[in-house]
Amino acid sequence: MARIEDQAALAAEPGDLAHDRAKGLDAVFRLGAGIFSILVLLIAWELFARSGKVTPFMLPRFSTVLEYIYNDAVGGDLWINLALTLYRALTGFVIATVAGIALAMAMSRSKIAHWFFDPIISVGFPMPKIAFLPIIILWLGLYDFSKISIVVFDAIFPVVTATLAGIAAVDKELLWSARNMGAKEHEIMWQVVLPAASPQILTGLQVALPISLIVAIIAEMVMGGYGLGGAMMGASRFANSPGVFAGIVEIAVVGYALIKIMALARRRLLVWHQETADRN
């Protein structure tokens, strides 16, 4: 009997190895395709800037922009601006996450809360909230608190809507089973509803994170001071074209890194979920 089981295990190994090899090749191909397309874009940028069809002011060479970023990094300005921008964006994102999930939970449990906040969320979600930045400046002044406040105000809407959608989509049989087993309402919310709704909640967070970065940079551009957005506007005022394009490259790298980190966190947190199993 043991020999038959060993033979069955050996017979299954080639299929598992083929599956792992195919998955590895697919991951390598996707990574290679992404790197290739970015390299093509950067090479095209460098060649077009060297062609003489545009002035260095309109489009500096990518090598010149890299040299500018390197000098900023060595001088320390890059790290100061990067740290301040990330501080504002991530602080606003965390506050929006906690407040948005709490508000959605309250709306799902209280008819009064739902009656009061649902019209506000419905009207406010499609609006460009950055238009409220002048009001934030009038009320709160040109401080970090103002920049973080506009980030929270903008990022909270996708968190609330995604959490509400996730809670509404929870299987009713799970709720009935939990109640029949004697679970209290707060236990059902924390141990059944939120875990079941976590995929949709994380989707909302994946939308809110880049919004937080974008709004933080726009606030820095408008309100001035240190930060990636402020550095770009300072370079623009002094007609420093490499500085402006350096800011674009820096923001692109930071945004890409944040999105990848959030996607990795999603896979880690949803290791138990079907979507992670399907990818494996």
Protein backbone atom coordinates (compact mmCIF):
# COMPACT_ATOMS: atom_id res chain seq x y z
CA MET A 1 0.00 0.00 0.00
CA ALA A 2 2.86 2.36 0.88
CA ARG A 3 4.51 1.61 -2.49
CA ILE A 4 1.31 2.52 -4.35
CA GLU A 5 1.09 5.84 -2.43
CA ASP A 6 4.74 6.60 -3.22
CA GLN A 7 4.16 5.94 -6.91
CA ALA A 8 1.09 8.20 -6.88
CA ALA A 9 3.09 10.98 -5.22
CA LEU A 10 5.87 10.62 -7.80
CA ALA A 11 3.33 10.71 -10.61
CA ALA A 12 1.88 13.94 -9.23
CA GLU A 13 5.27 15.65 -8.97
CA PRO A 14 5.77 16.42 -12.68
CA GLY A 15 2.42 18.19 -12.86
CA ASP A 16 3.21 20.27 -9.77
CA LEU A 17 6.64 21.11 -11.11
CA ALA A 18 5.16 22.09 -14.48
CA HIS A 19 2.60 24.29 -12.74
CA ASP A 20 5.28 26.01 -10.63
CA ARG A 21 7.53 26.43 -13.66
CA ALA A 22 4.69 27.94 -15.71
CA LYS A 23 3.78 30.29 -12.87
CA GLY A 24 7.41 31.36 -12.51
CA LEU A 25 7.77 31.97 -16.25
CA ASP A 26 4.55 33.98 -16.28
CA ALA A 27 5.80 36.17 -13.41
CA VAL A 28 9.16 36.69 -15.13
CA PHE A 29 7.44 37.55 -18.42
CA ARG A 30 5.17 40.12 -16.78
CA LEU A 31 8.08 41.69 -14.93
CA GLY A 32 10.19 41.73 -18.08
CA ALA A 33 7.39 43.25 -20.13
CA GLY A 34 6.92 46.03 -17.59
CA ILE A 35 10.63 46.82 -17.41
CA PHE A 36 10.96 46.69 -21.21
CA SER A 37 8.14 49.17 -21.82
CA ILE A 38 9.56 51.62 -19.26
CA LEU A 39 13.05 51.31 -20.76
CA VAL A 40 11.67 51.96 -24.25
CA LEU A 41 9.91 55.07 -22.98
CA LEU A 42 13.03 56.40 -21.25
CA ILE A 43 15.28 55.68 -24.24
CA ALA A 44 12.77 57.41 -26.54
CA TRP A 45 12.77 60.38 -24.16
CA GLU A 46 16.59 60.59 -24.22
CA LEU A 47 16.83 60.24 -27.99
CA PHE A 48 14.08 62.75 -28.71
CA ALA A 49 15.65 65.28 -26.33
CA ARG A 50 19.02 64.81 -28.10
CA SER A 51 17.49 65.11 -31.58
CA GLY A 52 17.37 68.90 -31.49
CA LYS A 53 13.67 69.04 -32.34
CA VAL A 54 12.94 70.47 -28.89
CA THR A 55 14.94 72.83 -26.70
CA PRO A 56 16.47 71.62 -23.41
CA PHE A 57 14.05 73.96 -21.66
CA MET A 58 11.02 72.22 -23.19
CA LEU A 59 12.36 68.70 -22.66
CA PRO A 60 15.68 68.13 -20.90
CA ARG A 61 17.52 64.88 -21.47
CA PHE A 62 16.63 62.04 -19.17
CA SER A 63 20.31 61.72 -18.26
CA THR A 64 20.26 65.38 -17.19
CA VAL A 65 17.18 64.75 -15.05
CA LEU A 66 18.86 61.73 -13.44
CA GLU A 67 21.91 63.85 -12.67
CA TYR A 68 19.66 66.46 -11.07
CA ILE A 69 17.95 63.80 -8.92
CA TYR A 70 21.35 62.41 -7.90
CA ASN A 71 22.60 65.84 -6.84
CA ASP A 72 19.39 66.43 -4.86
CA ALA A 73 19.80 63.06 -3.15
CA VAL A 74 23.44 63.74 -2.27
CA GLY A 75 22.58 67.23 -1.00
CA GLY A 76 19.72 65.84 1.12
CA ASP A 77 16.91 67.95 -0.35
CA LEU A 78 15.34 64.93 -2.04
CA TRP A 79 15.00 63.00 1.21
CA ILE A 80 13.54 65.97 3.09
CA ASN A 81 10.94 66.62 0.40
CA LEU A 82 10.15 62.93 0.02
CA ALA A 83 9.75 62.42 3.76
CA LEU A 84 7.40 65.39 4.11
CA THR A 85 5.23 64.35 1.16
CA LEU A 86 4.97 60.77 2.40
CA TYR A 87 4.21 61.98 5.92
CA ARG A 88 1.32 64.12 4.71
CA ALA A 89 -0.04 61.55 2.28
CA LEU A 90 0.23 58.54 4.60
CA THR A 91 -1.03 60.37 7.69
CA GLY A 92 -4.08 61.54 5.77
CA PHE A 93 -4.53 58.04 4.33
CA VAL A 94 -4.43 56.38 7.77
CA ILE A 95 -6.90 58.88 9.23
CA ALA A 96 -9.20 58.46 6.22
CA THR A 97 -8.98 54.67 6.56
CA VAL A 98 -9.90 54.59 10.25
CA ALA A 99 -12.60 57.26 9.97
CA GLY A 100 -14.02 55.84 6.73
CA ILE A 101 -14.35 52.29 8.03
CA ALA A 102 -15.83 53.52 11.33
CA LEU A 103 -18.35 55.71 9.50
CA ALA A 104 -19.36 52.88 7.16
CA MET A 105 -19.82 50.54 10.12
CA ALA A 106 -22.02 53.12 11.85
CA MET A 107 -24.08 53.62 8.68
CA SER A 108 -24.55 49.86 8.29
CA ARG A 109 -25.79 49.46 11.87
CA SER A 110 -27.77 52.67 12.39
CA LYS A 111 -30.65 53.76 10.18
CA ILE A 112 -30.32 57.32 11.46
CA ALA A 113 -26.61 57.45 10.56
CA HIS A 114 -27.36 55.97 7.15
CA TRP A 115 -30.21 58.42 6.58
CA PHE A 116 -27.98 61.38 7.49
CA PHE A 117 -24.67 60.46 5.80
CA ASP A 118 -25.82 58.57 2.71
CA PRO A 119 -26.89 61.71 0.75
CA ILE A 120 -23.63 63.43 1.70
CA ILE A 121 -21.56 60.47 0.50
CA SER A 122 -23.63 60.14 -2.68
CA VAL A 123 -23.24 63.81 -3.58
CA GLY A 124 -19.65 64.18 -2.40
CA PHE A 125 -18.13 61.05 -3.94
CA PRO A 126 -18.17 62.19 -7.61
CA MET A 127 -17.21 65.78 -6.76
CA PRO A 128 -13.59 66.98 -7.22
CA LYS A 129 -12.89 67.52 -3.52
CA ILE A 130 -9.64 69.34 -4.26
CA ALA A 131 -11.88 72.32 -5.14
CA PHE A 132 -12.35 72.75 -1.39
CA LEU A 133 -8.64 73.46 -0.93
CA PRO A 134 -9.11 77.28 -0.94
CA ILE A 135 -11.69 76.89 1.84
CA ILE A 136 -9.29 74.69 3.82
CA ILE A 137 -6.62 77.37 3.41
CA LEU A 138 -9.02 80.11 4.56
CA TRP A 139 -10.12 78.12 7.61
CA LEU A 140 -6.90 76.38 8.68
CA GLY A 141 -4.08 78.41 7.12
CA LEU A 142 -0.92 77.30 5.34
CA TYR A 143 0.12 74.53 7.71
CA ASP A 144 0.79 70.80 7.52
CA PHE A 145 -2.53 70.25 9.27
CA SER A 146 -4.28 71.93 6.34
CA LYS A 147 -2.53 69.71 3.79
CA ILE A 148 -3.35 66.57 5.77
CA SER A 149 -6.97 67.69 6.19
CA ILE A 150 -7.57 67.99 2.45
CA VAL A 151 -6.00 64.54 1.98
CA VAL A 152 -8.40 63.07 4.55
CA PHE A 153 -11.36 64.87 3.02
CA ASP A 154 -10.55 63.49 -0.43
CA ALA A 155 -9.47 59.95 0.50
CA ILE A 156 -12.28 59.10 2.92
CA PHE A 157 -14.99 58.79 0.26
CA PRO A 158 -13.67 55.68 -1.56
CA VAL A 159 -13.02 54.03 1.81
CA VAL A 160 -16.59 54.61 2.99
CA THR A 161 -18.22 53.50 -0.27
CA ALA A 162 -16.07 50.37 -0.59
CA THR A 163 -16.69 49.39 3.04
CA LEU A 164 -20.44 49.88 2.67
CA ALA A 165 -20.45 47.77 -0.49
CA GLY A 166 -18.43 45.05 1.21
CA ILE A 167 -20.69 44.94 4.26
CA ALA A 168 -23.81 44.84 2.09
CA ALA A 169 -22.37 41.90 0.11
CA VAL A 170 -21.71 39.68 3.13
CA ASP A 171 -23.50 36.34 2.79
CA LYS A 172 -26.68 36.42 4.90
CA GLU A 173 -26.22 32.77 5.83
CA LEU A 174 -23.00 33.71 7.64
CA LEU A 175 -24.92 36.24 9.72
CA TRP A 176 -27.73 33.81 10.48
CA SER A 177 -25.26 31.11 11.48
CA ALA A 178 -23.39 33.47 13.79
CA ARG A 179 -26.61 34.64 15.45
CA ASN A 180 -27.86 31.08 15.87
CA MET A 181 -24.57 30.25 17.61
CA GLY A 182 -25.23 33.03 20.11
CA ALA A 183 -22.83 35.68 18.80
CA LYS A 184 -23.59 39.25 19.81
CA GLU A 185 -23.93 42.05 17.28
CA HIS A 186 -20.53 43.58 17.96
CA GLU A 187 -18.94 40.13 17.72
CA ILE A 188 -20.67 39.53 14.39
CA MET A 189 -19.40 42.87 13.10
CA TRP A 190 -15.77 42.30 14.09
CA GLN A 191 -15.46 38.55 13.57
CA VAL A 192 -17.79 37.90 10.62
CA VAL A 193 -18.77 41.05 8.71
CA LEU A 194 -15.44 42.89 8.53
CA PRO A 195 -13.37 39.80 7.58
CA ALA A 196 -15.92 38.86 4.91
CA ALA A 197 -15.96 42.44 3.59
CA SER A 198 -12.17 42.85 3.72
CA PRO A 199 -11.58 42.27 -0.03
CA GLN A 200 -13.85 45.19 -0.93
CA ILE A 201 -12.44 47.31 1.89
CA LEU A 202 -8.91 46.72 0.63
CA THR A 203 -10.05 47.67 -2.87
CA GLY A 204 -11.22 50.99 -1.45
CA LEU A 205 -7.86 51.46 0.27
CA GLN A 206 -6.05 50.73 -2.99
CA VAL A 207 -8.04 53.55 -4.57
CA ALA A 208 -7.58 55.91 -1.61
CA LEU A 209 -3.79 55.52 -1.36
CA PRO A 210 -2.83 57.05 -4.74
CA ILE A 211 -5.51 59.69 -4.21
CA SER A 212 -3.80 60.61 -0.94
CA LEU A 213 -0.45 61.01 -2.68
CA ILE A 214 -1.94 63.05 -5.54
CA VAL A 215 -3.84 65.40 -3.23
CA ALA A 216 -0.84 65.86 -0.94
CA ILE A 217 1.32 66.90 -3.91
CA ILE A 218 -1.35 69.26 -5.27
CA ALA A 219 -1.71 70.83 -1.83
CA GLU A 220 2.05 71.35 -1.67
CA MET A 221 2.01 72.95 -5.13
CA VAL A 222 -0.72 75.38 -4.14
CA MET A 223 0.32 76.09 -0.55
CA GLY A 224 4.09 76.05 -1.03
CA GLY A 225 6.74 74.91 1.40
CA TYR A 226 8.85 71.79 1.33
CA GLY A 227 7.69 68.55 -0.30
CA LEU A 228 7.86 67.07 -3.79
CA GLY A 229 5.05 69.29 -5.03
CA GLY A 230 6.56 72.40 -3.48
CA ALA A 231 9.97 71.60 -4.96
CA MET A 232 8.42 71.24 -8.43
CA MET A 233 6.68 74.61 -8.16
CA GLY A 234 9.87 76.22 -6.90
CA ALA A 235 11.76 74.85 -9.88
CA SER A 236 9.03 76.08 -12.21
CA ARG A 237 9.18 79.62 -10.82
CA PHE A 238 12.90 79.78 -11.56
CA ALA A 239 12.48 78.21 -15.04
CA ASN A 240 14.42 75.16 -13.83
CA SER A 241 13.22 72.62 -16.38
CA PRO A 242 15.33 69.67 -15.12
CA GLY A 243 13.97 70.29 -11.63
CA VAL A 244 10.37 70.13 -12.86
CA PHE A 245 10.94 66.89 -14.78
CA ALA A 246 12.90 65.46 -11.84
CA GLY A 247 9.81 66.00 -9.69
CA ILE A 248 7.69 64.12 -12.21
CA VAL A 249 10.09 61.17 -12.19
CA GLU A 250 10.27 61.15 -8.39
CA ILE A 251 6.50 61.24 -8.02
CA ALA A 252 6.10 58.44 -10.56
CA VAL A 253 8.58 56.22 -8.69
CA VAL A 254 6.97 56.93 -5.30
CA GLY A 255 3.47 56.30 -6.63
CA TYR A 256 4.50 53.04 -8.27
CA ALA A 257 6.21 51.87 -5.08
CA LEU A 258 3.16 52.66 -2.94
CA ILE A 259 0.82 50.82 -5.30
CA LYS A 260 3.07 47.76 -5.31
CA ILE A 261 3.37 47.79 -1.51
CA MET A 262 -0.42 48.02 -1.19
CA ALA A 263 -0.90 45.13 -3.64
CA LEU A 264 1.59 43.02 -1.64
CA ALA A 265 -0.22 43.87 1.60
CA ARG A 266 -3.51 42.83 -0.01
CA ARG A 267 -2.10 39.43 -0.96
CA ARG A 268 -0.72 38.93 2.53
CA LEU A 269 -3.94 39.93 4.27
CA LEU A 270 -6.14 37.89 1.92
CA VAL A 271 -4.01 34.75 1.91
CA TRP A 272 -7.10 32.87 3.09
CA HIS A 273 -9.35 34.29 0.33
CA GLN A 274 -10.31 32.68 -2.97
CA GLU A 275 -8.71 35.44 -5.08
CA THR A 276 -5.28 34.61 -3.60
CA ALA A 277 -5.85 30.91 -4.16
CA ASP A 278 -6.75 31.57 -7.80
CA ARG A 279 -3.48 33.43 -8.37
CA ASN A 280 -1.54 30.55 -6.88
